[in-house]
Amino acid sequence: MRKLTVVAMAVATALVAPALALAAQNPSSSVGEGTEVQRTVVSGVAGAQSGGSLPFTGFSLALIVIVAVALLATGFVLRRQSRAKVDG
């Protein structure tokens, strides 16, 4: 059973590590960039049309689902392991 716990934790870590690596990436920024972004946002709001689709934000929902499933699986394994130790 200890091997199963170790394997489950390794899989959970392997699934979470890429998400953390992507979140840690620091986009290059400069001092004058804020005004350009603000102009883009303001012009986007002014030119907004009703009845369109939502813009793509670049955020992968599949990644969130994978991390959530990994965390749930890890929780179930840990709960089962703790119950087995108490019973036996």
N, C-alpha and C. Protein backbone atom coordinates (compact mmCIF):
# COMPACT_ATOMS: atom_id res chain seq x y z
N MET A 1 0.81 -1.19 0.00
CA MET A 1 0.00 0.00 0.00
C MET A 1 0.86 1.26 0.00
N ARG A 2 2.02 1.17 0.60
CA ARG A 2 2.90 2.34 0.64
C ARG A 2 3.36 2.70 -0.78
N LYS A 3 3.58 1.68 -1.60
CA LYS A 3 3.99 1.94 -2.99
C LYS A 3 2.89 2.68 -3.74
N LEU A 4 1.66 2.31 -3.48
CA LEU A 4 0.53 2.97 -4.15
C LEU A 4 0.46 4.44 -3.76
N THR A 5 0.70 4.74 -2.50
CA THR A 5 0.69 6.12 -2.05
C THR A 5 1.80 6.92 -2.70
N VAL A 6 2.98 6.32 -2.77
CA VAL A 6 4.11 7.01 -3.39
C VAL A 6 3.84 7.26 -4.87
N VAL A 7 3.28 6.28 -5.54
CA VAL A 7 2.97 6.43 -6.97
C VAL A 7 1.90 7.51 -7.17
N ALA A 8 0.88 7.51 -6.31
CA ALA A 8 -0.18 8.52 -6.43
C ALA A 8 0.37 9.92 -6.21
N MET A 9 1.23 10.07 -5.24
CA MET A 9 1.82 11.39 -4.98
C MET A 9 2.73 11.81 -6.13
N ALA A 10 3.48 10.87 -6.70
CA ALA A 10 4.35 11.19 -7.83
C ALA A 10 3.53 11.63 -9.05
N VAL A 11 2.43 10.96 -9.30
CA VAL A 11 1.56 11.32 -10.42
C VAL A 11 0.95 12.69 -10.19
N ALA A 12 0.49 12.95 -8.96
CA ALA A 12 -0.09 14.25 -8.67
C ALA A 12 0.94 15.36 -8.83
N THR A 13 2.15 15.11 -8.38
CA THR A 13 3.22 16.10 -8.53
C THR A 13 3.54 16.32 -10.00
N ALA A 14 3.58 15.25 -10.77
CA ALA A 14 3.89 15.36 -12.19
C ALA A 14 2.80 16.14 -12.94
N LEU A 15 1.58 16.05 -12.47
CA LEU A 15 0.50 16.78 -13.12
C LEU A 15 0.45 18.23 -12.69
N VAL A 16 0.84 18.53 -11.47
CA VAL A 16 0.77 19.89 -10.96
C VAL A 16 1.99 20.71 -11.37
N ALA A 17 3.14 20.07 -11.50
CA ALA A 17 4.39 20.79 -11.81
C ALA A 17 4.31 21.63 -13.08
N PRO A 18 3.78 21.13 -14.20
CA PRO A 18 3.70 21.99 -15.39
C PRO A 18 2.82 23.22 -15.19
N ALA A 19 1.76 23.07 -14.43
CA ALA A 19 0.89 24.22 -14.18
C ALA A 19 1.63 25.29 -13.38
N LEU A 20 2.39 24.84 -12.39
CA LEU A 20 3.16 25.80 -11.60
C LEU A 20 4.25 26.45 -12.44
N ALA A 21 4.85 25.69 -13.33
CA ALA A 21 5.90 26.25 -14.19
C ALA A 21 5.34 27.30 -15.13
N LEU A 22 4.16 27.04 -15.67
CA LEU A 22 3.53 28.02 -16.55
C LEU A 22 3.12 29.28 -15.78
N ALA A 23 2.66 29.09 -14.57
CA ALA A 23 2.24 30.24 -13.77
C ALA A 23 3.43 31.08 -13.33
N ALA A 24 4.59 30.46 -13.24
CA ALA A 24 5.78 31.18 -12.77
C ALA A 24 6.46 31.99 -13.86
N GLN A 25 6.08 31.76 -15.11
CA GLN A 25 6.70 32.51 -16.20
C GLN A 25 6.37 33.98 -16.05
N ASN A 26 7.38 34.81 -16.11
CA ASN A 26 7.21 36.24 -15.95
C ASN A 26 7.22 36.90 -17.33
N PRO A 27 6.08 37.40 -17.77
CA PRO A 27 6.08 38.06 -19.09
C PRO A 27 6.96 39.31 -19.05
N SER A 28 7.62 39.56 -20.15
CA SER A 28 8.48 40.74 -20.18
C SER A 28 7.63 41.99 -20.10
N SER A 29 8.06 42.91 -19.30
CA SER A 29 7.30 44.15 -19.15
C SER A 29 8.26 45.32 -19.18
N SER A 30 7.74 46.43 -19.62
CA SER A 30 8.53 47.64 -19.62
C SER A 30 7.67 48.77 -19.08
N VAL A 31 8.28 49.90 -18.83
CA VAL A 31 7.58 51.00 -18.18
C VAL A 31 6.47 51.56 -19.06
N GLY A 32 6.68 51.70 -20.35
CA GLY A 32 5.70 52.32 -21.24
C GLY A 32 4.61 51.40 -21.72
N GLU A 33 4.61 50.16 -21.33
CA GLU A 33 3.67 49.19 -21.85
C GLU A 33 2.25 49.39 -21.33
N GLY A 34 2.10 49.94 -20.15
CA GLY A 34 0.77 50.08 -19.54
C GLY A 34 -0.16 50.95 -20.35
N THR A 35 0.33 52.01 -20.90
CA THR A 35 -0.55 52.90 -21.67
C THR A 35 -1.02 52.23 -22.95
N GLU A 36 -0.18 51.44 -23.55
CA GLU A 36 -0.58 50.72 -24.77
C GLU A 36 -1.69 49.72 -24.46
N VAL A 37 -1.56 49.01 -23.36
CA VAL A 37 -2.59 48.05 -22.97
C VAL A 37 -3.88 48.79 -22.65
N GLN A 38 -3.78 49.90 -21.98
CA GLN A 38 -4.97 50.66 -21.64
C GLN A 38 -5.68 51.16 -22.90
N ARG A 39 -4.92 51.63 -23.88
CA ARG A 39 -5.54 52.08 -25.14
C ARG A 39 -6.23 50.93 -25.84
N THR A 40 -5.61 49.77 -25.82
CA THR A 40 -6.19 48.59 -26.47
C THR A 40 -7.50 48.20 -25.79
N VAL A 41 -7.50 48.21 -24.46
CA VAL A 41 -8.71 47.84 -23.73
C VAL A 41 -9.82 48.85 -23.98
N VAL A 42 -9.50 50.13 -23.94
CA VAL A 42 -10.51 51.16 -24.15
C VAL A 42 -11.06 51.08 -25.56
N SER A 43 -10.20 50.89 -26.55
CA SER A 43 -10.70 50.80 -27.92
C SER A 43 -11.51 49.52 -28.12
N GLY A 44 -11.13 48.45 -27.41
CA GLY A 44 -11.90 47.20 -27.50
C GLY A 44 -13.29 47.35 -26.92
N VAL A 45 -13.40 48.08 -25.82
CA VAL A 45 -14.70 48.31 -25.20
C VAL A 45 -15.55 49.20 -26.08
N ALA A 46 -14.94 50.23 -26.65
CA ALA A 46 -15.70 51.14 -27.49
C ALA A 46 -16.20 50.45 -28.75
N GLY A 47 -15.43 49.50 -29.27
CA GLY A 47 -15.82 48.82 -30.50
C GLY A 47 -16.54 47.51 -30.26
N ALA A 48 -16.97 47.26 -29.04
CA ALA A 48 -17.62 45.99 -28.72
C ALA A 48 -18.97 45.89 -29.43
N GLN A 49 -19.26 44.68 -29.87
CA GLN A 49 -20.53 44.43 -30.55
C GLN A 49 -21.34 43.46 -29.70
N SER A 50 -22.63 43.59 -29.73
CA SER A 50 -23.47 42.66 -28.98
C SER A 50 -23.74 41.42 -29.83
N GLY A 51 -23.90 40.29 -29.15
CA GLY A 51 -24.25 39.07 -29.85
C GLY A 51 -23.07 38.26 -30.34
N GLY A 52 -21.84 38.64 -30.01
CA GLY A 52 -20.67 37.89 -30.43
C GLY A 52 -20.31 36.81 -29.43
N SER A 53 -19.22 36.17 -29.70
CA SER A 53 -18.74 35.16 -28.76
C SER A 53 -17.70 35.79 -27.83
N LEU A 54 -17.43 35.11 -26.74
CA LEU A 54 -16.44 35.60 -25.79
C LEU A 54 -15.04 35.48 -26.38
N PRO A 55 -14.16 36.39 -26.05
CA PRO A 55 -12.80 36.31 -26.57
C PRO A 55 -12.03 35.19 -25.91
N PHE A 56 -11.07 34.64 -26.62
CA PHE A 56 -10.23 33.58 -26.07
C PHE A 56 -9.18 34.22 -25.17
N THR A 57 -9.14 33.80 -23.91
CA THR A 57 -8.21 34.39 -22.95
C THR A 57 -6.89 33.65 -22.89
N GLY A 58 -6.82 32.49 -23.52
CA GLY A 58 -5.58 31.72 -23.52
C GLY A 58 -5.45 30.81 -22.31
N PHE A 59 -6.48 30.71 -21.50
CA PHE A 59 -6.42 29.89 -20.31
C PHE A 59 -7.02 28.53 -20.62
N SER A 60 -6.24 27.49 -20.40
CA SER A 60 -6.66 26.15 -20.75
C SER A 60 -7.51 25.53 -19.65
N LEU A 61 -8.76 25.27 -19.95
CA LEU A 61 -9.65 24.64 -18.99
C LEU A 61 -9.27 23.18 -18.77
N ALA A 62 -8.71 22.54 -19.78
CA ALA A 62 -8.30 21.15 -19.65
C ALA A 62 -7.25 20.99 -18.56
N LEU A 63 -6.34 21.94 -18.46
CA LEU A 63 -5.31 21.89 -17.44
C LEU A 63 -5.92 21.93 -16.04
N ILE A 64 -6.91 22.78 -15.84
CA ILE A 64 -7.58 22.87 -14.55
C ILE A 64 -8.29 21.57 -14.22
N VAL A 65 -8.93 20.97 -15.20
CA VAL A 65 -9.63 19.71 -14.98
C VAL A 65 -8.64 18.61 -14.60
N ILE A 66 -7.51 18.55 -15.27
CA ILE A 66 -6.50 17.54 -14.98
C ILE A 66 -5.96 17.71 -13.56
N VAL A 67 -5.67 18.93 -13.17
CA VAL A 67 -5.16 19.18 -11.83
C VAL A 67 -6.22 18.83 -10.79
N ALA A 68 -7.47 19.18 -11.05
CA ALA A 68 -8.54 18.87 -10.10
C ALA A 68 -8.72 17.37 -9.93
N VAL A 69 -8.68 16.62 -11.02
CA VAL A 69 -8.80 15.17 -10.94
C VAL A 69 -7.62 14.58 -10.17
N ALA A 70 -6.42 15.09 -10.42
CA ALA A 70 -5.24 14.59 -9.71
C ALA A 70 -5.35 14.86 -8.21
N LEU A 71 -5.81 16.04 -7.85
CA LEU A 71 -5.96 16.36 -6.43
C LEU A 71 -7.04 15.50 -5.77
N LEU A 72 -8.14 15.28 -6.46
CA LEU A 72 -9.18 14.41 -5.93
C LEU A 72 -8.68 12.98 -5.75
N ALA A 73 -7.96 12.47 -6.74
CA ALA A 73 -7.43 11.12 -6.65
C ALA A 73 -6.44 11.00 -5.49
N THR A 74 -5.60 12.00 -5.32
CA THR A 74 -4.65 11.99 -4.21
C THR A 74 -5.38 12.00 -2.88
N GLY A 75 -6.43 12.80 -2.77
CA GLY A 75 -7.22 12.83 -1.55
C GLY A 75 -7.86 11.50 -1.22
N PHE A 76 -8.42 10.85 -2.23
CA PHE A 76 -9.03 9.54 -2.01
C PHE A 76 -7.99 8.51 -1.57
N VAL A 77 -6.83 8.53 -2.21
CA VAL A 77 -5.78 7.58 -1.85
C VAL A 77 -5.31 7.82 -0.42
N LEU A 78 -5.09 9.07 -0.07
CA LEU A 78 -4.64 9.37 1.29
C LEU A 78 -5.69 8.99 2.33
N ARG A 79 -6.95 9.22 2.01
CA ARG A 79 -8.01 8.85 2.94
C ARG A 79 -8.07 7.34 3.12
N ARG A 80 -7.93 6.61 2.04
CA ARG A 80 -7.97 5.15 2.12
C ARG A 80 -6.76 4.64 2.92
N GLN A 81 -5.62 5.25 2.69
CA GLN A 81 -4.41 4.84 3.40
C GLN A 81 -4.54 5.11 4.90
N SER A 82 -5.09 6.24 5.26
CA SER A 82 -5.22 6.55 6.69
C SER A 82 -6.25 5.66 7.35
N ARG A 83 -7.30 5.30 6.64
CA ARG A 83 -8.31 4.39 7.19
C ARG A 83 -7.72 3.00 7.38
N ALA A 84 -6.89 2.55 6.44
CA ALA A 84 -6.28 1.22 6.55
C ALA A 84 -5.34 1.16 7.75
N LYS A 85 -4.62 2.21 8.04
CA LYS A 85 -3.70 2.22 9.17
C LYS A 85 -4.46 2.21 10.50
N VAL A 86 -5.59 2.89 10.56
CA VAL A 86 -6.38 2.93 11.79
C VAL A 86 -7.01 1.57 12.06
N ASP A 87 -7.52 0.92 11.02
CA ASP A 87 -8.19 -0.37 11.16
C ASP A 87 -7.20 -1.50 11.44
N GLY A 88 -6.03 -1.45 10.86
CA GLY A 88 -5.18 -2.63 10.96
C GLY A 88 -3.85 -2.38 11.46
